[in-house]
Amino acid sequence: MYVSVCLGLPSQRVDLGAENFYTEGMKEFIVSACLAGLPCKYNGGSNTCPAVVALVRQGRAVTACPESLGGLKAPRPPAEQQQGKVLDKTGKDVSEAFHKGAQAAMEVARHFGCTKAIVKTKSPSCGAGHIYDGTFSHTLTPGDGLWVQALKAEGIAIYTEKDLPPECAEPHFLAKKS
């Protein structure tokens, strides 16, 4: 099945193969939309992770992009956390959009009853454990993205594309059907 994606982006057709992609009901996972192959990364691309795509196809996950939900378009300048704010590479303060998006993504997680999240490492929204340090030099510093801070505050278990939940390592996981 193709779903029409509209997250502040031009409408895209993305094949996620799930009949129940946006159906009501509980979802175990909320996942960073870029990991599901949706083109919401700051440069207009994605960070497709096959295990995340499989969870969406199985109907076990719902996607969210906090940055798109906060009103930021793709492509856009990269942004990093700096001294309690989120600034893009041009120096523009985009903190409000990041906070708004984190709250909107939390509403999605609550609506679907998600108990686990798989997020994109290093991001000012989705980074878990380490994020870019604000110098735009690809230097990491300990910390969490704004959305991850909110997820943790609500007791949602956090995983990344580099540290997937144990069930994603099961033999034949990628071939499972819903």
N, C-alpha and C. Protein backbone atom coordinates (compact mmCIF):
# COMPACT_ATOMS: atom_id res chain seq x y z
N MET A 1 0.84 -1.17 0.00
CA MET A 1 0.00 0.00 0.00
C MET A 1 0.88 1.23 0.00
N TYR A 2 0.48 2.24 -0.74
CA TYR A 2 1.19 3.51 -0.73
C TYR A 2 0.46 4.46 0.19
N VAL A 3 1.22 5.22 0.96
CA VAL A 3 0.60 6.24 1.80
C VAL A 3 1.08 7.59 1.32
N SER A 4 0.22 8.57 1.38
CA SER A 4 0.60 9.93 1.03
C SER A 4 1.15 10.59 2.27
N VAL A 5 2.36 11.08 2.19
CA VAL A 5 3.02 11.66 3.33
C VAL A 5 2.97 13.17 3.21
N CYS A 6 2.47 13.82 4.20
CA CYS A 6 2.44 15.28 4.21
C CYS A 6 2.85 15.75 5.59
N LEU A 7 4.13 15.97 5.78
CA LEU A 7 4.68 16.40 7.06
C LEU A 7 5.38 17.74 6.88
N GLY A 8 4.71 18.67 6.25
CA GLY A 8 5.36 19.92 5.94
C GLY A 8 6.23 19.79 4.71
N LEU A 9 6.06 18.72 3.97
CA LEU A 9 6.85 18.46 2.77
C LEU A 9 5.92 18.43 1.58
N PRO A 10 6.47 18.52 0.38
CA PRO A 10 5.61 18.25 -0.77
C PRO A 10 5.07 16.83 -0.63
N SER A 11 3.87 16.60 -1.09
CA SER A 11 3.27 15.27 -0.96
C SER A 11 4.15 14.24 -1.65
N GLN A 12 4.44 13.16 -0.96
CA GLN A 12 5.29 12.09 -1.47
C GLN A 12 4.52 10.79 -1.42
N ARG A 13 4.81 9.89 -2.34
CA ARG A 13 4.26 8.53 -2.28
C ARG A 13 5.36 7.64 -1.75
N VAL A 14 5.11 7.03 -0.62
CA VAL A 14 6.10 6.17 0.03
C VAL A 14 5.47 4.81 0.24
N ASP A 15 6.10 3.75 -0.27
CA ASP A 15 5.57 2.40 -0.11
C ASP A 15 6.08 1.82 1.20
N LEU A 16 5.18 1.73 2.19
CA LEU A 16 5.53 1.10 3.45
C LEU A 16 4.84 -0.25 3.60
N GLY A 17 4.03 -0.61 2.63
CA GLY A 17 3.46 -1.94 2.57
C GLY A 17 2.51 -2.32 3.68
N ALA A 18 2.01 -1.38 4.45
CA ALA A 18 1.17 -1.73 5.59
C ALA A 18 -0.28 -1.35 5.32
N GLU A 19 -1.15 -2.32 5.40
CA GLU A 19 -2.58 -2.06 5.24
C GLU A 19 -3.11 -1.22 6.40
N ASN A 20 -2.50 -1.38 7.56
CA ASN A 20 -3.01 -0.70 8.75
C ASN A 20 -2.08 0.41 9.23
N PHE A 21 -1.37 1.05 8.31
CA PHE A 21 -0.37 2.05 8.66
C PHE A 21 -0.92 3.15 9.55
N TYR A 22 -2.04 3.74 9.17
CA TYR A 22 -2.61 4.83 9.96
C TYR A 22 -3.92 4.44 10.62
N THR A 23 -4.13 3.17 10.86
CA THR A 23 -5.38 2.76 11.49
C THR A 23 -5.34 3.09 12.97
N GLU A 24 -6.51 3.13 13.54
CA GLU A 24 -6.62 3.36 14.98
C GLU A 24 -6.13 2.13 15.71
N GLY A 25 -5.92 2.28 16.98
CA GLY A 25 -5.49 1.16 17.80
C GLY A 25 -4.11 1.39 18.35
N MET A 26 -3.73 0.53 19.23
CA MET A 26 -2.45 0.66 19.92
C MET A 26 -1.29 0.27 19.00
N LYS A 27 -0.20 0.98 19.16
CA LYS A 27 1.05 0.67 18.47
C LYS A 27 2.12 0.55 19.56
N GLU A 28 2.90 -0.47 19.49
CA GLU A 28 3.94 -0.68 20.48
C GLU A 28 5.03 0.39 20.38
N PHE A 29 5.37 0.76 19.15
CA PHE A 29 6.49 1.68 18.90
C PHE A 29 6.04 2.98 18.26
N ILE A 30 6.73 4.05 18.60
CA ILE A 30 6.72 5.26 17.80
C ILE A 30 8.14 5.40 17.29
N VAL A 31 8.29 5.73 16.02
CA VAL A 31 9.62 5.73 15.40
C VAL A 31 9.86 7.05 14.67
N SER A 32 11.12 7.46 14.66
CA SER A 32 11.49 8.63 13.87
C SER A 32 11.14 8.36 12.42
N ALA A 33 10.37 9.26 11.82
CA ALA A 33 9.87 9.05 10.46
C ALA A 33 10.99 8.86 9.44
N CYS A 34 12.11 9.54 9.63
CA CYS A 34 13.21 9.38 8.67
C CYS A 34 13.74 7.95 8.67
N LEU A 35 13.66 7.25 9.81
CA LEU A 35 14.11 5.86 9.88
C LEU A 35 13.19 4.92 9.13
N ALA A 36 11.94 5.35 8.92
CA ALA A 36 10.99 4.55 8.13
C ALA A 36 11.08 4.88 6.65
N GLY A 37 12.04 5.72 6.28
CA GLY A 37 12.26 6.06 4.87
C GLY A 37 11.54 7.30 4.40
N LEU A 38 10.89 8.02 5.30
CA LEU A 38 10.18 9.23 4.90
C LEU A 38 11.17 10.39 4.75
N PRO A 39 11.01 11.21 3.71
CA PRO A 39 12.01 12.24 3.38
C PRO A 39 11.85 13.52 4.21
N CYS A 40 12.10 13.40 5.51
CA CYS A 40 11.93 14.56 6.39
C CYS A 40 13.23 15.00 7.04
N LYS A 41 14.35 14.35 6.71
CA LYS A 41 15.66 14.75 7.22
C LYS A 41 15.94 16.19 6.78
N TYR A 42 16.76 16.90 7.52
CA TYR A 42 17.00 18.31 7.23
C TYR A 42 17.38 18.57 5.77
N ASN A 43 18.09 17.63 5.15
CA ASN A 43 18.51 17.82 3.76
C ASN A 43 17.50 17.28 2.74
N GLY A 44 16.33 16.87 3.22
CA GLY A 44 15.29 16.35 2.34
C GLY A 44 15.38 14.85 2.10
N GLY A 45 16.36 14.21 2.70
CA GLY A 45 16.52 12.77 2.55
C GLY A 45 15.90 12.01 3.71
N SER A 46 16.33 10.76 3.84
CA SER A 46 15.87 9.93 4.95
C SER A 46 17.06 9.17 5.51
N ASN A 47 16.83 8.43 6.55
CA ASN A 47 17.84 7.57 7.19
C ASN A 47 17.26 6.17 7.34
N THR A 48 16.81 5.60 6.24
CA THR A 48 16.05 4.36 6.26
C THR A 48 16.78 3.25 7.03
N CYS A 49 16.04 2.64 7.95
CA CYS A 49 16.52 1.51 8.75
C CYS A 49 15.58 0.34 8.47
N PRO A 50 16.07 -0.73 7.86
CA PRO A 50 15.19 -1.85 7.50
C PRO A 50 14.35 -2.39 8.67
N ALA A 51 14.90 -2.44 9.87
CA ALA A 51 14.14 -2.96 11.00
C ALA A 51 12.96 -2.05 11.34
N VAL A 52 13.14 -0.74 11.21
CA VAL A 52 12.05 0.20 11.48
C VAL A 52 10.98 0.08 10.40
N VAL A 53 11.41 -0.02 9.15
CA VAL A 53 10.44 -0.21 8.07
C VAL A 53 9.63 -1.48 8.32
N ALA A 54 10.30 -2.54 8.77
CA ALA A 54 9.60 -3.80 9.06
C ALA A 54 8.56 -3.62 10.16
N LEU A 55 8.90 -2.89 11.22
CA LEU A 55 7.93 -2.65 12.30
C LEU A 55 6.69 -1.91 11.79
N VAL A 56 6.91 -0.92 10.91
CA VAL A 56 5.78 -0.18 10.35
C VAL A 56 4.94 -1.10 9.47
N ARG A 57 5.60 -1.89 8.63
CA ARG A 57 4.88 -2.82 7.75
C ARG A 57 4.09 -3.84 8.54
N GLN A 58 4.60 -4.24 9.70
CA GLN A 58 3.92 -5.21 10.55
C GLN A 58 2.77 -4.59 11.35
N GLY A 59 2.63 -3.26 11.26
CA GLY A 59 1.57 -2.58 11.99
C GLY A 59 1.88 -2.38 13.46
N ARG A 60 3.13 -2.53 13.84
CA ARG A 60 3.54 -2.40 15.25
C ARG A 60 4.06 -1.01 15.59
N ALA A 61 4.24 -0.16 14.56
CA ALA A 61 4.84 1.16 14.80
C ALA A 61 4.10 2.24 14.04
N VAL A 62 4.13 3.43 14.61
CA VAL A 62 3.63 4.64 13.98
C VAL A 62 4.82 5.59 13.85
N THR A 63 4.83 6.39 12.80
CA THR A 63 5.95 7.30 12.57
C THR A 63 5.61 8.71 13.05
N ALA A 64 6.66 9.46 13.40
CA ALA A 64 6.53 10.88 13.71
C ALA A 64 7.86 11.57 13.41
N CYS A 65 7.78 12.75 12.86
CA CYS A 65 8.96 13.61 12.71
C CYS A 65 8.68 14.88 13.49
N PRO A 66 9.29 15.03 14.67
CA PRO A 66 9.03 16.21 15.47
C PRO A 66 9.35 17.52 14.74
N GLU A 67 10.40 17.51 13.95
CA GLU A 67 10.79 18.74 13.27
C GLU A 67 9.75 19.14 12.23
N SER A 68 9.25 18.18 11.48
CA SER A 68 8.19 18.47 10.52
C SER A 68 6.90 18.85 11.23
N LEU A 69 6.58 18.13 12.31
CA LEU A 69 5.37 18.44 13.08
C LEU A 69 5.46 19.83 13.71
N GLY A 70 6.66 20.31 13.93
CA GLY A 70 6.86 21.65 14.47
C GLY A 70 6.81 22.74 13.41
N GLY A 71 6.62 22.34 12.15
CA GLY A 71 6.47 23.31 11.07
C GLY A 71 7.70 23.55 10.22
N LEU A 72 8.77 22.81 10.47
CA LEU A 72 9.98 22.99 9.67
C LEU A 72 9.87 22.21 8.37
N LYS A 73 10.28 22.82 7.28
CA LYS A 73 10.23 22.20 5.96
C LYS A 73 11.54 21.45 5.70
N ALA A 74 11.52 20.57 4.72
CA ALA A 74 12.74 19.89 4.27
C ALA A 74 12.84 20.13 2.77
N PRO A 75 13.99 20.50 2.27
CA PRO A 75 15.23 20.70 3.02
C PRO A 75 15.21 22.01 3.82
N ARG A 76 16.11 22.05 4.80
CA ARG A 76 16.29 23.22 5.66
C ARG A 76 17.72 23.18 6.17
N PRO A 77 18.22 24.29 6.70
CA PRO A 77 19.58 24.25 7.26
C PRO A 77 19.64 23.30 8.45
N PRO A 78 20.75 22.61 8.65
CA PRO A 78 20.88 21.76 9.83
C PRO A 78 20.79 22.61 11.10
N ALA A 79 20.35 21.98 12.19
CA ALA A 79 20.22 22.67 13.47
C ALA A 79 20.85 21.83 14.56
N GLU A 80 21.35 22.50 15.59
CA GLU A 80 21.94 21.83 16.73
C GLU A 80 21.59 22.58 18.01
N GLN A 81 21.59 21.85 19.13
CA GLN A 81 21.34 22.49 20.42
C GLN A 81 22.58 23.27 20.83
N GLN A 82 22.33 24.50 21.31
CA GLN A 82 23.41 25.36 21.77
C GLN A 82 22.92 26.16 22.97
N GLN A 83 23.52 25.95 24.13
CA GLN A 83 23.22 26.74 25.33
C GLN A 83 21.72 26.86 25.60
N GLY A 84 21.02 25.73 25.58
CA GLY A 84 19.60 25.72 25.89
C GLY A 84 18.68 26.14 24.76
N LYS A 85 19.22 26.43 23.60
CA LYS A 85 18.41 26.79 22.43
C LYS A 85 18.72 25.83 21.31
N VAL A 86 17.89 25.87 20.26
CA VAL A 86 18.20 25.14 19.04
C VAL A 86 18.38 26.20 17.95
N LEU A 87 19.59 26.24 17.40
CA LEU A 87 19.92 27.21 16.36
C LEU A 87 20.26 26.46 15.09
N ASP A 88 19.83 27.04 13.93
CA ASP A 88 20.24 26.41 12.68
C ASP A 88 21.61 26.97 12.29
N LYS A 89 22.17 26.42 11.25
CA LYS A 89 23.55 26.76 10.86
C LYS A 89 23.69 28.23 10.46
N THR A 90 22.58 28.88 10.11
CA THR A 90 22.63 30.31 9.76
C THR A 90 22.55 31.19 11.00
N GLY A 91 22.33 30.59 12.17
CA GLY A 91 22.21 31.33 13.42
C GLY A 91 20.78 31.63 13.83
N LYS A 92 19.81 31.20 13.03
CA LYS A 92 18.40 31.44 13.35
C LYS A 92 17.97 30.55 14.52
N ASP A 93 17.28 31.14 15.47
CA ASP A 93 16.75 30.40 16.62
C ASP A 93 15.48 29.68 16.18
N VAL A 94 15.53 28.35 16.14
CA VAL A 94 14.38 27.53 15.75
C VAL A 94 13.85 26.72 16.94
N SER A 95 14.18 27.17 18.14
CA SER A 95 13.78 26.47 19.36
C SER A 95 12.27 26.27 19.44
N GLU A 96 11.50 27.29 19.10
CA GLU A 96 10.05 27.19 19.21
C GLU A 96 9.50 26.05 18.37
N ALA A 97 9.99 25.92 17.13
CA ALA A 97 9.53 24.84 16.24
C ALA A 97 9.93 23.48 16.82
N PHE A 98 11.11 23.37 17.38
CA PHE A 98 11.56 22.11 17.95
C PHE A 98 10.73 21.72 19.18
N HIS A 99 10.42 22.69 20.04
CA HIS A 99 9.59 22.40 21.22
C HIS A 99 8.17 22.04 20.79
N LYS A 100 7.61 22.80 19.86
CA LYS A 100 6.26 22.53 19.37
C LYS A 100 6.19 21.12 18.75
N GLY A 101 7.20 20.78 17.96
CA GLY A 101 7.24 19.47 17.32
C GLY A 101 7.39 18.33 18.31
N ALA A 102 8.21 18.53 19.35
CA ALA A 102 8.38 17.50 20.37
C ALA A 102 7.04 17.23 21.06
N GLN A 103 6.30 18.29 21.36
CA GLN A 103 5.00 18.11 22.01
C GLN A 103 3.99 17.44 21.07
N ALA A 104 4.01 17.83 19.79
CA ALA A 104 3.09 17.20 18.82
C ALA A 104 3.41 15.71 18.65
N ALA A 105 4.69 15.38 18.61
CA ALA A 105 5.09 13.97 18.49
C ALA A 105 4.70 13.19 19.75
N MET A 106 4.76 13.85 20.90
CA MET A 106 4.31 13.19 22.13
C MET A 106 2.82 12.90 22.08
N GLU A 107 2.05 13.79 21.50
CA GLU A 107 0.61 13.56 21.35
C GLU A 107 0.35 12.33 20.49
N VAL A 108 1.16 12.14 19.44
CA VAL A 108 1.02 10.95 18.59
C VAL A 108 1.33 9.71 19.43
N ALA A 109 2.41 9.75 20.20
CA ALA A 109 2.78 8.60 21.04
C ALA A 109 1.68 8.26 22.04
N ARG A 110 1.12 9.29 22.66
CA ARG A 110 0.03 9.06 23.63
C ARG A 110 -1.20 8.49 22.94
N HIS A 111 -1.56 9.08 21.80
CA HIS A 111 -2.76 8.64 21.07
C HIS A 111 -2.70 7.15 20.74
N PHE A 112 -1.53 6.68 20.33
CA PHE A 112 -1.38 5.28 19.93
C PHE A 112 -0.92 4.37 21.07
N GLY A 113 -0.75 4.92 22.27
CA GLY A 113 -0.37 4.11 23.42
C GLY A 113 1.02 3.50 23.31
N CYS A 114 1.92 4.18 22.65
CA CYS A 114 3.27 3.65 22.44
C CYS A 114 4.03 3.53 23.76
N THR A 115 4.76 2.44 23.90
CA THR A 115 5.57 2.21 25.10
C THR A 115 7.06 2.17 24.79
N LYS A 116 7.40 2.16 23.50
CA LYS A 116 8.80 2.11 23.07
C LYS A 116 8.98 3.07 21.90
N ALA A 117 10.19 3.61 21.79
CA ALA A 117 10.52 4.51 20.68
C ALA A 117 11.84 4.08 20.06
N ILE A 118 11.93 4.20 18.74
CA ILE A 118 13.20 4.04 18.04
C ILE A 118 13.46 5.37 17.36
N VAL A 119 14.55 6.02 17.76
CA VAL A 119 14.84 7.39 17.32
C VAL A 119 16.19 7.47 16.61
N LYS A 120 16.36 8.56 15.87
CA LYS A 120 17.59 8.79 15.10
C LYS A 120 18.67 9.36 16.00
N THR A 121 19.81 8.73 16.03
CA THR A 121 20.93 9.20 16.85
C THR A 121 21.38 10.60 16.45
N LYS A 122 21.92 11.32 17.40
CA LYS A 122 22.63 12.59 17.26
C LYS A 122 21.75 13.81 16.97
N SER A 123 20.50 13.61 16.65
CA SER A 123 19.60 14.69 16.25
C SER A 123 19.24 15.62 17.42
N PRO A 124 19.02 16.91 17.15
CA PRO A 124 18.60 17.81 18.22
C PRO A 124 17.19 17.51 18.73
N SER A 125 16.41 16.74 17.98
CA SER A 125 15.09 16.29 18.43
C SER A 125 15.16 14.87 18.95
N CYS A 126 15.77 13.98 18.18
CA CYS A 126 15.67 12.54 18.41
C CYS A 126 16.93 11.89 18.99
N GLY A 127 17.99 12.63 19.13
CA GLY A 127 19.22 12.05 19.65
C GLY A 127 19.04 11.49 21.05
N ALA A 128 19.66 10.35 21.32
CA ALA A 128 19.57 9.69 22.63
C ALA A 128 20.97 9.38 23.13
N GLY A 129 21.33 10.00 24.24
CA GLY A 129 22.65 9.75 24.83
C GLY A 129 23.71 10.72 24.38
N HIS A 130 23.75 10.99 23.09
CA HIS A 130 24.71 11.94 22.53
C HIS A 130 24.05 12.73 21.41
N ILE A 131 24.33 14.01 21.37
CA ILE A 131 23.83 14.89 20.31
C ILE A 131 25.00 15.74 19.81
N TYR A 132 24.82 16.36 18.66
CA TYR A 132 25.85 17.28 18.18
C TYR A 132 25.96 18.46 19.14
N ASP A 133 27.19 18.98 19.28
CA ASP A 133 27.50 19.95 20.34
C ASP A 133 27.17 21.41 20.03
N GLY A 134 26.63 21.70 18.86
CA GLY A 134 26.26 23.07 18.54
C GLY A 134 27.29 23.84 17.75
N THR A 135 28.40 23.18 17.40
CA THR A 135 29.45 23.87 16.64
C THR A 135 29.39 23.54 15.15
N PHE A 136 28.50 22.66 14.77
CA PHE A 136 28.36 22.20 13.38
C PHE A 136 29.67 21.61 12.85
N SER A 137 30.39 20.94 13.75
CA SER A 137 31.67 20.31 13.39
C SER A 137 31.59 18.79 13.52
N HIS A 138 30.39 18.24 13.64
CA HIS A 138 30.15 16.81 13.82
C HIS A 138 30.73 16.29 15.14
N THR A 139 30.91 17.18 16.11
CA THR A 139 31.41 16.80 17.43
C THR A 139 30.22 16.47 18.33
N LEU A 140 30.31 15.33 19.01
CA LEU A 140 29.22 14.89 19.88
C LEU A 140 29.47 15.31 21.33
N THR A 141 28.37 15.48 22.04
CA THR A 141 28.41 15.78 23.47
C THR A 141 27.30 14.98 24.14
N PRO A 142 27.49 14.60 25.41
CA PRO A 142 26.41 13.88 26.09
C PRO A 142 25.12 14.72 26.13
N GLY A 143 24.00 14.07 25.90
CA GLY A 143 22.72 14.75 25.96
C GLY A 143 21.67 14.05 25.12
N ASP A 144 20.45 14.54 25.25
CA ASP A 144 19.32 14.00 24.51
C ASP A 144 18.64 15.10 23.72
N GLY A 145 18.02 14.70 22.61
CA GLY A 145 17.20 15.61 21.84
C GLY A 145 15.94 15.98 22.61
N LEU A 146 15.29 17.05 22.19
CA LEU A 146 14.11 17.54 22.91
C LEU A 146 12.98 16.52 22.97
N TRP A 147 12.73 15.83 21.85
CA TRP A 147 11.66 14.82 21.85
C TRP A 147 12.04 13.66 22.77
N VAL A 148 13.28 13.23 22.72
CA VAL A 148 13.72 12.12 23.57
C VAL A 148 13.59 12.49 25.05
N GLN A 149 13.88 13.73 25.41
CA GLN A 149 13.69 14.17 26.79
C GLN A 149 12.23 13.98 27.21
N ALA A 150 11.31 14.37 26.32
CA ALA A 150 9.88 14.23 26.61
C ALA A 150 9.46 12.76 26.68
N LEU A 151 9.98 11.94 25.76
CA LEU A 151 9.67 10.50 25.78
C LEU A 151 10.13 9.87 27.09
N LYS A 152 11.34 10.18 27.49
CA LYS A 152 11.88 9.62 28.74
C LYS A 152 11.05 10.08 29.94
N ALA A 153 10.62 11.34 29.94
CA ALA A 153 9.83 11.86 31.05
C ALA A 153 8.51 11.12 31.21
N GLU A 154 8.01 10.53 30.12
CA GLU A 154 6.76 9.76 30.17
C GLU A 154 7.01 8.26 30.32
N GLY A 155 8.26 7.87 30.52
CA GLY A 155 8.57 6.47 30.77
C GLY A 155 8.61 5.59 29.54
N ILE A 156 8.72 6.18 28.37
CA ILE A 156 8.80 5.40 27.13
C ILE A 156 10.23 4.92 26.94
N ALA A 157 10.40 3.63 26.69
CA ALA A 157 11.72 3.03 26.49
C ALA A 157 12.32 3.56 25.19
N ILE A 158 13.58 3.93 25.22
CA ILE A 158 14.25 4.55 24.08
C ILE A 158 15.27 3.59 23.47
N TYR A 159 15.17 3.45 22.15
CA TYR A 159 16.14 2.70 21.35
C TYR A 159 16.54 3.60 20.18
N THR A 160 17.64 3.26 19.52
CA THR A 160 18.07 3.99 18.33
C THR A 160 18.28 2.99 17.20
N GLU A 161 18.52 3.50 16.01
CA GLU A 161 18.80 2.62 14.88
C GLU A 161 20.11 1.87 15.07
N LYS A 162 20.94 2.32 15.99
CA LYS A 162 22.21 1.65 16.28
C LYS A 162 22.10 0.72 17.49
N ASP A 163 21.01 0.81 18.24
CA ASP A 163 20.77 0.01 19.43
C ASP A 163 19.30 -0.39 19.42
N LEU A 164 18.97 -1.33 18.54
CA LEU A 164 17.58 -1.74 18.34
C LEU A 164 17.09 -2.62 19.48
N PRO A 165 15.77 -2.67 19.69
CA PRO A 165 15.22 -3.55 20.73
C PRO A 165 15.51 -5.01 20.40
N PRO A 166 15.60 -5.86 21.43
CA PRO A 166 15.95 -7.26 21.22
C PRO A 166 15.07 -7.99 20.21
N GLU A 167 13.77 -7.69 20.17
CA GLU A 167 12.89 -8.41 19.25
C GLU A 167 13.23 -8.15 17.79
N CYS A 168 13.94 -7.07 17.51
CA CYS A 168 14.34 -6.78 16.12
C CYS A 168 15.52 -7.65 15.69
N ALA A 169 16.14 -8.33 16.63
CA ALA A 169 17.27 -9.21 16.32
C ALA A 169 16.83 -10.67 16.14
N GLU A 170 15.54 -10.94 16.34
CA GLU A 170 15.05 -12.32 16.19
C GLU A 170 15.33 -12.81 14.77
N PRO A 171 15.63 -14.12 14.63
CA PRO A 171 15.80 -14.65 13.28
C PRO A 171 14.52 -14.42 12.45
N HIS A 172 14.69 -14.04 11.23
CA HIS A 172 13.60 -13.81 10.29
C HIS A 172 12.73 -12.60 10.62
N PHE A 173 13.20 -11.70 11.53
CA PHE A 173 12.40 -10.55 11.91
C PHE A 173 11.97 -9.72 10.71
N LEU A 174 12.90 -9.44 9.81
CA LEU A 174 12.58 -8.57 8.67
C LEU A 174 11.56 -9.18 7.74
N ALA A 175 11.38 -10.49 7.77
CA ALA A 175 10.42 -11.14 6.87
C ALA A 175 9.05 -11.34 7.52
N LYS A 176 8.92 -11.03 8.82
CA LYS A 176 7.64 -11.24 9.51
C LYS A 176 6.53 -10.40 8.90
N LYS A 177 5.35 -10.92 8.93
CA LYS A 177 4.15 -10.20 8.49
C LYS A 177 3.36 -9.83 9.74
N SER A 178 2.43 -8.88 9.60
CA SER A 178 1.63 -8.46 10.76
C SER A 178 0.71 -9.57 11.24
